[in-house]
Amino acid sequence: MARIPNIYQKHGEYTNTEGGHAELEDQDCLYIYGNAYEVILQDSNFQKSVRKIHMQYTFFDKVIEDSYFSSLSKFKRLECLFLRDNHIYSFV
């Protein structure tokens, strides 16, 4: 499990603009919360084994940046990418 330390609380709500959290389950399923993807996606240990990535509380405009997609291409076993609560309101 990897942790990014700078999560802070403001007005009773947690914000993901300063940090995040990530967990690896069953050696092939990666859960990324907040901005943890900035560190986790660059880690070659995760790139070798992960087949599924679940991303939650990550802003969609960050997800579609070129640097994000170039990082994903290094995950050779990746089969599924799940997005949840990522501020997507419409594809139109």
C-alpha atoms as a PDB file:
ATOM      1  CA  MET A   1       0.000   0.000   0.000  1.00  0.00           C
ATOM      2  CA  ALA A   2       1.291   3.463  -0.907  1.00  0.00           C
ATOM      3  CA  ARG A   3       0.208   6.680   0.777  1.00  0.00           C
ATOM      4  CA  ILE A   4       0.595  10.283  -0.278  1.00  0.00           C
ATOM      5  CA  PRO A   5       0.738  12.339   2.939  1.00  0.00           C
ATOM      6  CA  ASN A   6      -0.677  15.789   2.143  1.00  0.00           C
ATOM      7  CA  ILE A   7      -4.415  15.160   2.465  1.00  0.00           C
ATOM      8  CA  TYR A   8      -6.032  17.908   4.518  1.00  0.00           C
ATOM      9  CA  GLN A   9      -9.514  18.600   5.828  1.00  0.00           C
ATOM     10  CA  LYS A  10     -11.331  21.890   5.209  1.00  0.00           C
ATOM     11  CA  HIS A  11     -14.861  22.700   6.425  1.00  0.00           C
ATOM     12  CA  GLY A  12     -15.541  19.059   7.298  1.00  0.00           C
ATOM     13  CA  GLU A  13     -14.778  17.733   3.812  1.00  0.00           C
ATOM     14  CA  TYR A  14     -11.643  16.083   2.532  1.00  0.00           C
ATOM     15  CA  THR A  15     -10.113  17.542  -0.585  1.00  0.00           C
ATOM     16  CA  ASN A  16      -8.045  15.699  -3.190  1.00  0.00           C
ATOM     17  CA  THR A  17      -6.148  18.680  -4.539  1.00  0.00           C
ATOM     18  CA  GLU A  18      -3.133  18.130  -2.297  1.00  0.00           C
ATOM     19  CA  GLY A  19      -2.758  14.359  -2.127  1.00  0.00           C
ATOM     20  CA  GLY A  20      -4.283  10.974  -2.397  1.00  0.00           C
ATOM     21  CA  HIS A  21      -4.126   7.348  -1.449  1.00  0.00           C
ATOM     22  CA  ALA A  22      -3.543   4.109  -3.355  1.00  0.00           C
ATOM     23  CA  GLU A  23      -3.954   0.434  -2.553  1.00  0.00           C
ATOM     24  CA  LEU A  24      -2.953  -2.734  -4.395  1.00  0.00           C
ATOM     25  CA  GLU A  25      -5.253  -5.729  -3.951  1.00  0.00           C
ATOM     26  CA  ASP A  26      -4.481  -9.292  -5.030  1.00  0.00           C
ATOM     27  CA  GLN A  27      -1.275  -8.036  -6.709  1.00  0.00           C
ATOM     28  CA  ASP A  28      -3.199  -7.048  -9.850  1.00  0.00           C
ATOM     29  CA  CYS A  29      -5.956  -4.592  -8.894  1.00  0.00           C
ATOM     30  CA  LEU A  30      -4.901  -1.002  -8.153  1.00  0.00           C
ATOM     31  CA  TYR A  31      -7.203   1.483  -6.400  1.00  0.00           C
ATOM     32  CA  ILE A  32      -6.209   5.125  -6.771  1.00  0.00           C
ATOM     33  CA  TYR A  33      -7.911   7.924  -4.834  1.00  0.00           C
ATOM     34  CA  GLY A  34      -7.261  11.618  -5.437  1.00  0.00           C
ATOM     35  CA  ASN A  35      -3.913  12.682  -6.839  1.00  0.00           C
ATOM     36  CA  ALA A  36      -2.058   9.495  -5.891  1.00  0.00           C
ATOM     37  CA  TYR A  37      -1.893   8.652  -9.612  1.00  0.00           C
ATOM     38  CA  GLU A  38       0.854  11.266 -10.044  1.00  0.00           C
ATOM     39  CA  VAL A  39       3.217   9.032  -8.072  1.00  0.00           C
ATOM     40  CA  ILE A  40       1.732   5.550  -8.460  1.00  0.00           C
ATOM     41  CA  LEU A  41       1.487   5.433 -12.262  1.00  0.00           C
ATOM     42  CA  GLN A  42       5.230   6.105 -12.539  1.00  0.00           C
ATOM     43  CA  ASP A  43       6.152   3.136 -10.300  1.00  0.00           C
ATOM     44  CA  SER A  44       7.525   0.262 -12.407  1.00  0.00           C
ATOM     45  CA  ASN A  45       6.561  -2.283  -9.726  1.00  0.00           C
ATOM     46  CA  PHE A  46       2.878  -1.530 -10.316  1.00  0.00           C
ATOM     47  CA  GLN A  47       3.320  -1.421 -14.100  1.00  0.00           C
ATOM     48  CA  LYS A  48       4.444  -5.062 -14.212  1.00  0.00           C
ATOM     49  CA  SER A  49       1.525  -6.674 -12.398  1.00  0.00           C
ATOM     50  CA  VAL A  50      -1.618  -4.499 -12.509  1.00  0.00           C
ATOM     51  CA  ARG A  51      -4.520  -5.669 -14.680  1.00  0.00           C
ATOM     52  CA  LYS A  52      -7.264  -3.363 -13.317  1.00  0.00           C
ATOM     53  CA  ILE A  53      -7.126   0.258 -12.192  1.00  0.00           C
ATOM     54  CA  HIS A  54      -9.966   1.884 -10.244  1.00  0.00           C
ATOM     55  CA  MET A  55      -9.718   5.685 -10.055  1.00  0.00           C
ATOM     56  CA  GLN A  56     -11.952   7.630  -7.691  1.00  0.00           C
ATOM     57  CA  TYR A  57     -12.006  11.327  -6.759  1.00  0.00           C
ATOM     58  CA  THR A  58      -9.588  12.196  -9.549  1.00  0.00           C
ATOM     59  CA  PHE A  59     -10.472  15.188 -11.702  1.00  0.00           C
ATOM     60  CA  PHE A  60     -11.315  14.091 -15.244  1.00  0.00           C
ATOM     61  CA  ASP A  61      -9.353  16.929 -16.863  1.00  0.00           C
ATOM     62  CA  LYS A  62      -6.230  15.468 -15.246  1.00  0.00           C
ATOM     63  CA  VAL A  63      -7.121  11.942 -16.374  1.00  0.00           C
ATOM     64  CA  ILE A  64      -7.188  12.928 -20.048  1.00  0.00           C
ATOM     65  CA  GLU A  65      -3.811  14.721 -20.070  1.00  0.00           C
ATOM     66  CA  ASP A  66      -1.119  13.291 -22.367  1.00  0.00           C
ATOM     67  CA  SER A  67       1.199  12.525 -19.461  1.00  0.00           C
ATOM     68  CA  TYR A  68      -1.496  10.352 -17.875  1.00  0.00           C
ATOM     69  CA  PHE A  69      -2.073   8.326 -21.044  1.00  0.00           C
ATOM     70  CA  SER A  70       1.642   7.841 -21.638  1.00  0.00           C
ATOM     71  CA  SER A  71       1.893   6.459 -18.097  1.00  0.00           C
ATOM     72  CA  LEU A  72      -0.997   4.061 -18.715  1.00  0.00           C
ATOM     73  CA  SER A  73       0.682   2.659 -21.825  1.00  0.00           C
ATOM     74  CA  LYS A  74       3.448   1.295 -19.575  1.00  0.00           C
ATOM     75  CA  PHE A  75       0.955  -1.065 -17.886  1.00  0.00           C
ATOM     76  CA  LYS A  76       1.370  -4.006 -20.266  1.00  0.00           C
ATOM     77  CA  ARG A  77      -1.175  -6.246 -18.488  1.00  0.00           C
ATOM     78  CA  LEU A  78      -3.867  -3.547 -18.069  1.00  0.00           C
ATOM     79  CA  GLU A  79      -7.311  -4.812 -19.084  1.00  0.00           C
ATOM     80  CA  CYS A  80      -9.764  -2.474 -17.320  1.00  0.00           C
ATOM     81  CA  LEU A  81      -9.858   1.135 -16.207  1.00  0.00           C
ATOM     82  CA  PHE A  82     -12.725   2.168 -13.932  1.00  0.00           C
ATOM     83  CA  LEU A  83     -13.587   5.831 -13.277  1.00  0.00           C
ATOM     84  CA  ARG A  84     -15.826   6.869 -10.409  1.00  0.00           C
ATOM     85  CA  ASP A  85     -16.700  10.251  -8.870  1.00  0.00           C
ATOM     86  CA  ASN A  86     -14.366  12.091 -11.238  1.00  0.00           C
ATOM     87  CA  HIS A  87     -16.438  15.213 -11.961  1.00  0.00           C
ATOM     88  CA  ILE A  88     -17.764  13.893 -15.288  1.00  0.00           C
ATOM     89  CA  TYR A  89     -21.147  15.409 -15.959  1.00  0.00           C
ATOM     90  CA  SER A  90     -21.495  15.054 -19.734  1.00  0.00           C
ATOM     91  CA  PHE A  91     -19.601  13.833 -22.795  1.00  0.00           C
ATOM     92  CA  VAL A  92     -21.389  16.343 -25.034  1.00  0.00           C
END
